[in-house]
Full PDB file with SEQRES, HELIX, SHEET, SSBOND, CRYST1, ORIGX, SCALE, CONECT and MASTER records, all heavy atoms in Angstrom:
SEQRES   1 A   36  GLU SER GLY LYS ARG PHE ILE ASN PRO ASP THR ASP GLU          
SEQRES   2 A   36  PHE SER ASP LEU LEU TYR GLU SER THR LEU THR ARG MET          
SEQRES   3 A   36  GLU LYS SER GLY TRP TYR THR GLN GLU GLN                      
HELIX    1 AA1 SER A    2  LYS A    4  5                                   3    
HELIX    2 AA2 ASP A   12  SER A   29  1                                  18    
CRYST1    1.000    1.000    1.000  90.00  90.00  90.00 P 1           1          
ORIGX1      1.000000  0.000000  0.000000        0.00000                         
ORIGX2      0.000000  1.000000  0.000000        0.00000                         
ORIGX3      0.000000  0.000000  1.000000        0.00000                         
SCALE1      1.000000  0.000000  0.000000        0.00000                         
SCALE2      0.000000  1.000000  0.000000        0.00000                         
SCALE3      0.000000  0.000000  1.000000        0.00000                         
ATOM      1  N   GLU A   1      81.073  -8.540   6.342  1.00  0.00           N  
ATOM      2  CA  GLU A   1      81.238  -7.207   5.780  1.00  0.00           C  
ATOM      3  C   GLU A   1      80.364  -6.981   4.534  1.00  0.00           C  
ATOM      4  O   GLU A   1      80.456  -5.915   3.917  1.00  0.00           O  
ATOM      5  CB  GLU A   1      82.716  -6.986   5.393  1.00  0.00           C  
ATOM      6  CG  GLU A   1      83.696  -7.055   6.566  1.00  0.00           C  
ATOM      7  CD  GLU A   1      83.531  -5.869   7.522  1.00  0.00           C  
ATOM      8  OE1 GLU A   1      83.591  -4.735   7.041  1.00  0.00           O  
ATOM      9  OE2 GLU A   1      83.320  -6.102   8.722  1.00  0.00           O  
ATOM     10  N   SER A   2      79.546  -7.935   4.174  1.00  0.00           N  
ATOM     11  CA  SER A   2      78.804  -7.848   2.905  1.00  0.00           C  
ATOM     12  C   SER A   2      77.854  -6.635   2.855  1.00  0.00           C  
ATOM     13  O   SER A   2      77.569  -6.129   1.778  1.00  0.00           O  
ATOM     14  CB  SER A   2      78.025  -9.142   2.635  1.00  0.00           C  
ATOM     15  OG  SER A   2      77.050  -9.369   3.668  1.00  0.00           O  
ATOM     16  N   GLY A   3      77.353  -6.209   4.007  1.00  0.00           N  
ATOM     17  CA  GLY A   3      76.423  -5.085   4.036  1.00  0.00           C  
ATOM     18  C   GLY A   3      77.059  -3.788   3.564  1.00  0.00           C  
ATOM     19  O   GLY A   3      76.344  -2.833   3.234  1.00  0.00           O  
ATOM     20  N   LYS A   4      78.398  -3.741   3.553  1.00  0.00           N  
ATOM     21  CA  LYS A   4      79.097  -2.509   3.128  1.00  0.00           C  
ATOM     22  C   LYS A   4      79.496  -2.536   1.653  1.00  0.00           C  
ATOM     23  O   LYS A   4      80.088  -1.571   1.145  1.00  0.00           O  
ATOM     24  CB  LYS A   4      80.352  -2.313   4.000  1.00  0.00           C  
ATOM     25  CG  LYS A   4      80.036  -2.110   5.459  1.00  0.00           C  
ATOM     26  CD  LYS A   4      81.238  -1.636   6.244  1.00  0.00           C  
ATOM     27  CE  LYS A   4      82.287  -2.699   6.377  1.00  0.00           C  
ATOM     28  NZ  LYS A   4      83.410  -2.252   7.253  1.00  0.00           N  
ATOM     29  N   ARG A   5      79.172  -3.596   0.968  1.00  0.00           N  
ATOM     30  CA  ARG A   5      79.569  -3.719  -0.443  1.00  0.00           C  
ATOM     31  C   ARG A   5      78.964  -2.615  -1.311  1.00  0.00           C  
ATOM     32  O   ARG A   5      77.767  -2.328  -1.190  1.00  0.00           O  
ATOM     33  CB  ARG A   5      79.151  -5.112  -0.978  1.00  0.00           C  
ATOM     34  CG  ARG A   5      79.556  -5.340  -2.439  1.00  0.00           C  
ATOM     35  CD  ARG A   5      79.432  -6.818  -2.795  1.00  0.00           C  
ATOM     36  NE  ARG A   5      78.043  -7.248  -2.797  1.00  0.00           N  
ATOM     37  CZ  ARG A   5      77.259  -7.239  -3.875  1.00  0.00           C  
ATOM     38  NH1 ARG A   5      77.676  -6.757  -5.016  1.00  0.00           N  
ATOM     39  NH2 ARG A   5      76.010  -7.704  -3.779  1.00  0.00           N  
ATOM     40  N   PHE A   6      79.779  -2.019  -2.143  1.00  0.00           N  
ATOM     41  CA  PHE A   6      79.301  -0.962  -3.046  1.00  0.00           C  
ATOM     42  C   PHE A   6      78.676  -1.601  -4.286  1.00  0.00           C  
ATOM     43  O   PHE A   6      79.262  -2.519  -4.890  1.00  0.00           O  
ATOM     44  CB  PHE A   6      80.442  -0.031  -3.464  1.00  0.00           C  
ATOM     45  CG  PHE A   6      80.005   0.978  -4.475  1.00  0.00           C  
ATOM     46  CD1 PHE A   6      79.296   2.110  -4.087  1.00  0.00           C  
ATOM     47  CD2 PHE A   6      80.306   0.813  -5.833  1.00  0.00           C  
ATOM     48  CE1 PHE A   6      78.894   3.055  -5.038  1.00  0.00           C  
ATOM     49  CE2 PHE A   6      79.924   1.744  -6.771  1.00  0.00           C  
ATOM     50  CZ  PHE A   6      79.219   2.885  -6.365  1.00  0.00           C  
ATOM     51  N   ILE A   7      77.509  -1.123  -4.672  1.00  0.00           N  
ATOM     52  CA  ILE A   7      76.821  -1.587  -5.859  1.00  0.00           C  
ATOM     53  C   ILE A   7      76.548  -0.361  -6.755  1.00  0.00           C  
ATOM     54  O   ILE A   7      75.928   0.607  -6.324  1.00  0.00           O  
ATOM     55  CB  ILE A   7      75.504  -2.273  -5.528  1.00  0.00           C  
ATOM     56  CG1 ILE A   7      75.787  -3.507  -4.643  1.00  0.00           C  
ATOM     57  CG2 ILE A   7      74.773  -2.707  -6.803  1.00  0.00           C  
ATOM     58  CD1 ILE A   7      74.528  -4.179  -4.097  1.00  0.00           C  
ATOM     59  N   ASN A   8      77.063  -0.405  -7.936  1.00  0.00           N  
ATOM     60  CA  ASN A   8      76.891   0.735  -8.845  1.00  0.00           C  
ATOM     61  C   ASN A   8      75.413   0.988  -9.118  1.00  0.00           C  
ATOM     62  O   ASN A   8      74.676   0.040  -9.472  1.00  0.00           O  
ATOM     63  CB  ASN A   8      77.633   0.461 -10.166  1.00  0.00           C  
ATOM     64  CG  ASN A   8      77.918   1.741 -10.903  1.00  0.00           C  
ATOM     65  OD1 ASN A   8      77.065   2.612 -11.032  1.00  0.00           O  
ATOM     66  ND2 ASN A   8      79.140   1.829 -11.426  1.00  0.00           N  
ATOM     67  N   PRO A   9      74.935   2.212  -8.945  1.00  0.00           N  
ATOM     68  CA  PRO A   9      73.499   2.500  -9.100  1.00  0.00           C  
ATOM     69  C   PRO A   9      72.932   2.202 -10.469  1.00  0.00           C  
ATOM     70  O   PRO A   9      71.729   1.963 -10.593  1.00  0.00           O  
ATOM     71  CB  PRO A   9      73.404   3.976  -8.768  1.00  0.00           C  
ATOM     72  CG  PRO A   9      74.617   4.306  -7.997  1.00  0.00           C  
ATOM     73  CD  PRO A   9      75.689   3.398  -8.502  1.00  0.00           C  
ATOM     74  N   ASP A  10      73.760   2.238 -11.528  1.00  0.00           N  
ATOM     75  CA  ASP A  10      73.199   2.021 -12.873  1.00  0.00           C  
ATOM     76  C   ASP A  10      73.274   0.551 -13.323  1.00  0.00           C  
ATOM     77  O   ASP A  10      73.119   0.271 -14.513  1.00  0.00           O  
ATOM     78  CB  ASP A  10      73.897   2.928 -13.894  1.00  0.00           C  
ATOM     79  CG  ASP A  10      75.391   2.644 -14.033  1.00  0.00           C  
ATOM     80  OD1 ASP A  10      75.920   1.859 -13.226  1.00  0.00           O  
ATOM     81  OD2 ASP A  10      76.022   3.214 -14.945  1.00  0.00           O  
ATOM     82  N   THR A  11      73.432  -0.361 -12.369  1.00  0.00           N  
ATOM     83  CA  THR A  11      73.420  -1.784 -12.688  1.00  0.00           C  
ATOM     84  C   THR A  11      72.061  -2.402 -12.365  1.00  0.00           C  
ATOM     85  O   THR A  11      71.292  -1.870 -11.568  1.00  0.00           O  
ATOM     86  CB  THR A  11      74.506  -2.531 -11.904  1.00  0.00           C  
ATOM     87  OG1 THR A  11      74.213  -2.426 -10.487  1.00  0.00           O  
ATOM     88  CG2 THR A  11      75.868  -1.967 -12.184  1.00  0.00           C  
ATOM     89  N   ASP A  12      71.788  -3.527 -13.014  1.00  0.00           N  
ATOM     90  CA  ASP A  12      70.540  -4.228 -12.752  1.00  0.00           C  
ATOM     91  C   ASP A  12      70.492  -4.713 -11.285  1.00  0.00           C  
ATOM     92  O   ASP A  12      69.394  -4.786 -10.698  1.00  0.00           O  
ATOM     93  CB  ASP A  12      70.394  -5.434 -13.686  1.00  0.00           C  
ATOM     94  CG  ASP A  12      70.073  -5.031 -15.105  1.00  0.00           C  
ATOM     95  OD1 ASP A  12      69.566  -3.896 -15.309  1.00  0.00           O  
ATOM     96  OD2 ASP A  12      70.337  -5.837 -16.033  1.00  0.00           O  
ATOM     97  N   GLU A  13      71.634  -5.046 -10.721  1.00  0.00           N  
ATOM     98  CA  GLU A  13      71.641  -5.545  -9.343  1.00  0.00           C  
ATOM     99  C   GLU A  13      71.092  -4.504  -8.372  1.00  0.00           C  
ATOM    100  O   GLU A  13      70.372  -4.862  -7.423  1.00  0.00           O  
ATOM    101  CB  GLU A  13      73.070  -5.933  -8.903  1.00  0.00           C  
ATOM    102  CG  GLU A  13      73.113  -6.559  -7.535  1.00  0.00           C  
ATOM    103  CD  GLU A  13      74.513  -6.921  -7.091  1.00  0.00           C  
ATOM    104  OE1 GLU A  13      75.495  -6.482  -7.739  1.00  0.00           O  
ATOM    105  OE2 GLU A  13      74.641  -7.645  -6.078  1.00  0.00           O  
ATOM    106  N   PHE A  14      71.421  -3.261  -8.571  1.00  0.00           N  
ATOM    107  CA  PHE A  14      70.917  -2.173  -7.724  1.00  0.00           C  
ATOM    108  C   PHE A  14      69.391  -2.186  -7.695  1.00  0.00           C  
ATOM    109  O   PHE A  14      68.763  -2.168  -6.652  1.00  0.00           O  
ATOM    110  CB  PHE A  14      71.466  -0.834  -8.225  1.00  0.00           C  
ATOM    111  CG  PHE A  14      71.230   0.325  -7.302  1.00  0.00           C  
ATOM    112  CD1 PHE A  14      72.214   0.716  -6.415  1.00  0.00           C  
ATOM    113  CD2 PHE A  14      70.052   1.056  -7.365  1.00  0.00           C  
ATOM    114  CE1 PHE A  14      72.021   1.799  -5.565  1.00  0.00           C  
ATOM    115  CE2 PHE A  14      69.849   2.143  -6.517  1.00  0.00           C  
ATOM    116  CZ  PHE A  14      70.825   2.503  -5.620  1.00  0.00           C  
ATOM    117  N   SER A  15      68.789  -2.200  -8.872  1.00  0.00           N  
ATOM    118  CA  SER A  15      67.330  -2.183  -8.979  1.00  0.00           C  
ATOM    119  C   SER A  15      66.714  -3.487  -8.486  1.00  0.00           C  
ATOM    120  O   SER A  15      65.682  -3.507  -7.812  1.00  0.00           O  
ATOM    121  CB  SER A  15      66.916  -1.913 -10.442  1.00  0.00           C  
ATOM    122  OG  SER A  15      65.518  -1.878 -10.576  1.00  0.00           O  
ATOM    123  N   ASP A  16      67.359  -4.618  -8.833  1.00  0.00           N  
ATOM    124  CA  ASP A  16      66.811  -5.916  -8.460  1.00  0.00           C  
ATOM    125  C   ASP A  16      66.745  -6.101  -6.942  1.00  0.00           C  
ATOM    126  O   ASP A  16      65.774  -6.668  -6.405  1.00  0.00           O  
ATOM    127  CB  ASP A  16      67.644  -7.041  -9.072  1.00  0.00           C  
ATOM    128  CG  ASP A  16      67.471  -7.120 -10.580  1.00  0.00           C  
ATOM    129  OD1 ASP A  16      66.525  -6.502 -11.111  1.00  0.00           O  
ATOM    130  OD2 ASP A  16      68.320  -7.810 -11.244  1.00  0.00           O  
ATOM    131  N   LEU A  17      67.757  -5.638  -6.228  1.00  0.00           N  
ATOM    132  CA  LEU A  17      67.762  -5.765  -4.771  1.00  0.00           C  
ATOM    133  C   LEU A  17      66.622  -4.957  -4.135  1.00  0.00           C  
ATOM    134  O   LEU A  17      65.984  -5.404  -3.195  1.00  0.00           O  
ATOM    135  CB  LEU A  17      69.107  -5.322  -4.191  1.00  0.00           C  
ATOM    136  CG  LEU A  17      70.274  -6.276  -4.419  1.00  0.00           C  
ATOM    137  CD1 LEU A  17      71.601  -5.634  -4.061  1.00  0.00           C  
ATOM    138  CD2 LEU A  17      70.080  -7.553  -3.595  1.00  0.00           C  
ATOM    139  N   LEU A  18      66.371  -3.768  -4.680  1.00  0.00           N  
ATOM    140  CA  LEU A  18      65.281  -2.986  -4.170  1.00  0.00           C  
ATOM    141  C   LEU A  18      63.925  -3.583  -4.514  1.00  0.00           C  
ATOM    142  O   LEU A  18      62.974  -3.518  -3.715  1.00  0.00           O  
ATOM    143  CB  LEU A  18      65.373  -1.555  -4.752  1.00  0.00           C  
ATOM    144  CG  LEU A  18      66.588  -0.738  -4.265  1.00  0.00           C  
ATOM    145  CD1 LEU A  18      66.676   0.573  -4.999  1.00  0.00           C  
ATOM    146  CD2 LEU A  18      66.475  -0.482  -2.748  1.00  0.00           C  
ATOM    147  N   TYR A  19      63.837  -4.193  -5.692  1.00  0.00           N  
ATOM    148  CA  TYR A  19      62.598  -4.909  -6.071  1.00  0.00           C  
ATOM    149  C   TYR A  19      62.313  -6.050  -5.107  1.00  0.00           C  
ATOM    150  O   TYR A  19      61.205  -6.195  -4.603  1.00  0.00           O  
ATOM    151  CB  TYR A  19      62.722  -5.424  -7.499  1.00  0.00           C  
ATOM    152  CG  TYR A  19      61.624  -6.369  -7.928  1.00  0.00           C  
ATOM    153  CD1 TYR A  19      60.343  -5.875  -8.201  1.00  0.00           C  
ATOM    154  CD2 TYR A  19      61.872  -7.737  -8.040  1.00  0.00           C  
ATOM    155  CE1 TYR A  19      59.337  -6.750  -8.593  1.00  0.00           C  
ATOM    156  CE2 TYR A  19      60.860  -8.602  -8.424  1.00  0.00           C  
ATOM    157  CZ  TYR A  19      59.619  -8.111  -8.696  1.00  0.00           C  
ATOM    158  OH  TYR A  19      58.611  -8.978  -9.073  1.00  0.00           O  
ATOM    159  N   GLU A  20      63.333  -6.868  -4.851  1.00  0.00           N  
ATOM    160  CA  GLU A  20      63.145  -8.041  -3.986  1.00  0.00           C  
ATOM    161  C   GLU A  20      62.718  -7.648  -2.574  1.00  0.00           C  
ATOM    162  O   GLU A  20      61.802  -8.219  -1.973  1.00  0.00           O  
ATOM    163  CB  GLU A  20      64.418  -8.869  -3.964  1.00  0.00           C  
ATOM    164  CG  GLU A  20      64.723  -9.530  -5.292  1.00  0.00           C  
ATOM    165  CD  GLU A  20      66.130 -10.103  -5.335  1.00  0.00           C  
ATOM    166  OE1 GLU A  20      66.811 -10.076  -4.290  1.00  0.00           O  
ATOM    167  OE2 GLU A  20      66.552 -10.543  -6.433  1.00  0.00           O  
ATOM    168  N   SER A  21      63.406  -6.649  -2.001  1.00  0.00           N  
ATOM    169  CA  SER A  21      63.086  -6.249  -0.634  1.00  0.00           C  
ATOM    170  C   SER A  21      61.696  -5.592  -0.569  1.00  0.00           C  
ATOM    171  O   SER A  21      60.950  -5.819   0.395  1.00  0.00           O  
ATOM    172  CB  SER A  21      64.130  -5.251  -0.092  1.00  0.00           C  
ATOM    173  OG  SER A  21      64.147  -4.062  -0.830  1.00  0.00           O  
ATOM    174  N   THR A  22      61.316  -4.839  -1.587  1.00  0.00           N  
ATOM    175  CA  THR A  22      59.999  -4.194  -1.602  1.00  0.00           C  
ATOM    176  C   THR A  22      58.890  -5.213  -1.696  1.00  0.00           C  
ATOM    177  O   THR A  22      57.911  -5.165  -0.924  1.00  0.00           O  
ATOM    178  CB  THR A  22      59.905  -3.169  -2.756  1.00  0.00           C  
ATOM    179  OG1 THR A  22      60.920  -2.168  -2.595  1.00  0.00           O  
ATOM    180  CG2 THR A  22      58.543  -2.498  -2.779  1.00  0.00           C  
ATOM    181  N   LEU A  23      58.992  -6.116  -2.639  1.00  0.00           N  
ATOM    182  CA  LEU A  23      57.936  -7.122  -2.803  1.00  0.00           C  
ATOM    183  C   LEU A  23      57.851  -8.052  -1.614  1.00  0.00           C  
ATOM    184  O   LEU A  23      56.726  -8.481  -1.236  1.00  0.00           O  
ATOM    185  CB  LEU A  23      58.186  -7.930  -4.094  1.00  0.00           C  
ATOM    186  CG  LEU A  23      57.533  -7.386  -5.370  1.00  0.00           C  
ATOM    187  CD1 LEU A  23      56.012  -7.573  -5.304  1.00  0.00           C  
ATOM    188  CD2 LEU A  23      57.869  -5.913  -5.625  1.00  0.00           C  
ATOM    189  N   THR A  24      58.964  -8.365  -0.977  1.00  0.00           N  
ATOM    190  CA  THR A  24      58.942  -9.187   0.241  1.00  0.00           C  
ATOM    191  C   THR A  24      58.192  -8.493   1.344  1.00  0.00           C  
ATOM    192  O   THR A  24      57.353  -9.096   2.044  1.00  0.00           O  
ATOM    193  CB  THR A  24      60.343  -9.522   0.683  1.00  0.00           C  
ATOM    194  OG1 THR A  24      61.012 -10.297  -0.335  1.00  0.00           O  
ATOM    195  CG2 THR A  24      60.350 -10.318   1.971  1.00  0.00           C  
ATOM    196  N   ARG A  25      58.443  -7.218   1.544  1.00  0.00           N  
ATOM    197  CA  ARG A  25      57.770  -6.443   2.618  1.00  0.00           C  
ATOM    198  C   ARG A  25      56.283  -6.288   2.289  1.00  0.00           C  
ATOM    199  O   ARG A  25      55.435  -6.363   3.197  1.00  0.00           O  
ATOM    200  CB  ARG A  25      58.431  -5.083   2.780  1.00  0.00           C  
ATOM    201  CG  ARG A  25      59.846  -5.157   3.359  1.00  0.00           C  
ATOM    202  CD  ARG A  25      60.590  -3.843   3.207  1.00  0.00           C  
ATOM    203  NE  ARG A  25      59.907  -2.771   3.893  1.00  0.00           N  
ATOM    204  CZ  ARG A  25      59.760  -1.556   3.391  1.00  0.00           C  
ATOM    205  NH1 ARG A  25      60.219  -1.257   2.188  1.00  0.00           N  
ATOM    206  NH2 ARG A  25      59.149  -0.628   4.088  1.00  0.00           N  
ATOM    207  N   MET A  26      55.955  -6.059   1.031  1.00  0.00           N  
ATOM    208  CA  MET A  26      54.563  -5.919   0.645  1.00  0.00           C  
ATOM    209  C   MET A  26      53.787  -7.195   0.895  1.00  0.00           C  
ATOM    210  O   MET A  26      52.665  -7.194   1.389  1.00  0.00           O  
ATOM    211  CB  MET A  26      54.453  -5.473  -0.807  1.00  0.00           C  
ATOM    212  CG  MET A  26      54.961  -4.074  -1.074  1.00  0.00           C  
ATOM    213  SD  MET A  26      54.801  -3.551  -2.808  1.00  0.00           S  
ATOM    214  CE  MET A  26      53.057  -3.317  -2.932  1.00  0.00           C  
ATOM    215  N   GLU A  27      54.407  -8.331   0.550  1.00  0.00           N  
ATOM    216  CA  GLU A  27      53.735  -9.622   0.758  1.00  0.00           C  
ATOM    217  C   GLU A  27      53.539  -9.913   2.262  1.00  0.00           C  
ATOM    218  O   GLU A  27      52.502 -10.378   2.681  1.00  0.00           O  
ATOM    219  CB  GLU A  27      54.562 -10.725   0.100  1.00  0.00           C  
ATOM    220  CG  GLU A  27      53.873 -12.080   0.147  1.00  0.00           C  
ATOM    221  CD  GLU A  27      54.639 -13.145  -0.642  1.00  0.00           C  
ATOM    222  OE1 GLU A  27      55.858 -12.996  -0.814  1.00  0.00           O  
ATOM    223  OE2 GLU A  27      53.994 -14.107  -1.098  1.00  0.00           O  
ATOM    224  N   LYS A  28      54.573  -9.610   3.069  1.00  0.00           N  
ATOM    225  CA  LYS A  28      54.479  -9.859   4.503  1.00  0.00           C  
ATOM    226  C   LYS A  28      53.435  -8.985   5.154  1.00  0.00           C  
ATOM    227  O   LYS A  28      52.876  -9.345   6.208  1.00  0.00           O  
ATOM    228  CB  LYS A  28      55.843  -9.637   5.162  1.00  0.00           C  
ATOM    229  CG  LYS A  28      56.846 -10.745   4.900  1.00  0.00           C  
ATOM    230  CD  LYS A  28      58.149 -10.484   5.641  1.00  0.00           C  
ATOM    231  CE  LYS A  28      59.140 -11.640   5.424  1.00  0.00           C  
ATOM    232  NZ  LYS A  28      60.421 -11.360   6.142  1.00  0.00           N  
ATOM    233  N   SER A  29      53.167  -7.820   4.575  1.00  0.00           N  
ATOM    234  CA  SER A  29      52.196  -6.905   5.181  1.00  0.00           C  
ATOM    235  C   SER A  29      50.787  -7.485   5.198  1.00  0.00           C  
ATOM    236  O   SER A  29      49.979  -7.164   6.080  1.00  0.00           O  
ATOM    237  CB  SER A  29      52.175  -5.569   4.403  1.00  0.00           C  
ATOM    238  OG  SER A  29      51.520  -5.714   3.171  1.00  0.00           O  
ATOM    239  N   GLY A  30      50.479  -8.339   4.223  1.00  0.00           N  
ATOM    240  CA  GLY A  30      49.149  -8.912   4.121  1.00  0.00           C  
ATOM    241  C   GLY A  30      48.099  -7.952   3.590  1.00  0.00           C  
ATOM    242  O   GLY A  30      46.906  -8.239   3.655  1.00  0.00           O  
ATOM    243  N   TRP A  31      48.522  -6.843   3.055  1.00  0.00           N  
ATOM    244  CA  TRP A  31      47.582  -5.812   2.560  1.00  0.00           C  
ATOM    245  C   TRP A  31      47.160  -6.033   1.121  1.00  0.00           C  
ATOM    246  O   TRP A  31      46.262  -5.353   0.626  1.00  0.00           O  
ATOM    247  CB  TRP A  31      48.237  -4.425   2.662  1.00  0.00           C  
ATOM    248  CG  TRP A  31      48.658  -4.053   4.043  1.00  0.00           C  
ATOM    249  CD1 TRP A  31      48.175  -4.558   5.235  1.00  0.00           C  
ATOM    250  CD2 TRP A  31      49.691  -3.122   4.407  1.00  0.00           C  
ATOM    251  NE1 TRP A  31      48.820  -3.983   6.312  1.00  0.00           N  
ATOM    252  CE2 TRP A  31      49.761  -3.101   5.813  1.00  0.00           C  
ATOM    253  CE3 TRP A  31      50.538  -2.287   3.684  1.00  0.00           C  
ATOM    254  CZ2 TRP A  31      50.667  -2.276   6.513  1.00  0.00           C  
ATOM    255  CZ3 TRP A  31      51.451  -1.496   4.343  1.00  0.00           C  
ATOM    256  CH2 TRP A  31      51.514  -1.487   5.747  1.00  0.00           C  
ATOM    257  N   TYR A  32      47.783  -7.003   0.436  1.00  0.00           N  
ATOM    258  CA  TYR A  32      47.529  -7.155  -0.989  1.00  0.00           C  
ATOM    259  C   TYR A  32      47.147  -8.597  -1.291  1.00  0.00           C  
ATOM    260  O   TYR A  32      47.664  -9.527  -0.660  1.00  0.00           O  
ATOM    261  CB  TYR A  32      48.795  -6.775  -1.801  1.00  0.00           C  
ATOM    262  CG  TYR A  32      49.345  -5.419  -1.423  1.00  0.00           C  
ATOM    263  CD1 TYR A  32      50.346  -5.277  -0.475  1.00  0.00           C  
ATOM    264  CD2 TYR A  32      48.821  -4.249  -2.014  1.00  0.00           C  
ATOM    265  CE1 TYR A  32      50.842  -4.028  -0.106  1.00  0.00           C  
ATOM    266  CE2 TYR A  32      49.302  -2.991  -1.688  1.00  0.00           C  
ATOM    267  CZ  TYR A  32      50.320  -2.887  -0.725  1.00  0.00           C  
ATOM    268  OH  TYR A  32      50.785  -1.671  -0.346  1.00  0.00           O  
ATOM    269  N   THR A  33      46.285  -8.781  -2.266  1.00  0.00           N  
ATOM    270  CA  THR A  33      45.880 -10.123  -2.666  1.00  0.00           C  
ATOM    271  C   THR A  33      46.983 -10.775  -3.495  1.00  0.00           C  
ATOM    272  O   THR A  33      47.913 -10.089  -3.982  1.00  0.00           O  
ATOM    273  CB  THR A  33      44.608 -10.064  -3.518  1.00  0.00           C  
ATOM    274  OG1 THR A  33      44.893  -9.381  -4.765  1.00  0.00           O  
ATOM    275  CG2 THR A  33      43.491  -9.339  -2.787  1.00  0.00           C  
ATOM    276  N   GLN A  34      46.895 -12.071  -3.692  1.00  0.00           N  
ATOM    277  CA  GLN A  34      47.879 -12.775  -4.503  1.00  0.00           C  
ATOM    278  C   GLN A  34      47.840 -12.258  -5.926  1.00  0.00           C  
ATOM    279  O   GLN A  34      48.909 -12.132  -6.583  1.00  0.00           O  
ATOM    280  CB  GLN A  34      47.597 -14.283  -4.472  1.00  0.00           C  
ATOM    281  CG  GLN A  34      48.640 -15.118  -5.187  1.00  0.00           C  
ATOM    282  CD  GLN A  34      50.025 -14.975  -4.569  1.00  0.00           C  
ATOM    283  OE1 GLN A  34      50.148 -14.863  -3.343  1.00  0.00           O  
ATOM    284  NE2 GLN A  34      51.065 -14.969  -5.397  1.00  0.00           N  
ATOM    285  N   GLU A  35      46.664 -11.955  -6.417  1.00  0.00           N  
ATOM    286  CA  GLU A  35      46.552 -11.423  -7.785  1.00  0.00           C  
ATOM    287  C   GLU A  35      47.270 -10.077  -7.903  1.00  0.00           C  
ATOM    288  O   GLU A  35      47.970  -9.804  -8.910  1.00  0.00           O  
ATOM    289  CB  GLU A  35      45.084 -11.259  -8.173  1.00  0.00           C  
ATOM    290  CG  GLU A  35      44.340 -12.573  -8.382  1.00  0.00           C  
ATOM    291  CD  GLU A  35      43.990 -13.279  -7.072  1.00  0.00           C  
ATOM    292  OE1 GLU A  35      44.045 -12.619  -6.029  1.00  0.00           O  
ATOM    293  OE2 GLU A  35      43.692 -14.481  -7.111  1.00  0.00           O  
ATOM    294  N   GLN A  36      47.130  -9.247  -6.863  1.00  0.00           N  
ATOM    295  CA  GLN A  36      47.829  -7.945  -6.888  1.00  0.00           C  
ATOM    296  C   GLN A  36      49.335  -8.171  -6.862  1.00  0.00           C  
ATOM    297  O   GLN A  36      50.070  -7.512  -7.628  1.00  0.00           O  
ATOM    298  CB  GLN A  36      47.396  -7.083  -5.698  1.00  0.00           C  
ATOM    299  CG  GLN A  36      46.025  -6.486  -5.827  1.00  0.00           C  
ATOM    300  CD  GLN A  36      45.650  -5.676  -4.600  1.00  0.00           C  
ATOM    301  OE1 GLN A  36      45.588  -6.206  -3.481  1.00  0.00           O  
ATOM    302  NE2 GLN A  36      45.427  -4.390  -4.772  1.00  0.00           N  
TER     303      GLN A  36                                                      
MASTER        0    0    0    2    0    0    0    6  302    1    0    3          
END                                                                             
């Protein structure tokens, strides 16, 4: 049931989860150099 957990939008966790998923997808795309 963890996918249904509520996370308050004004917490660091809310932003951190979006950061992690975005950077993971960007890295997997292969469109950016390691320096980028």
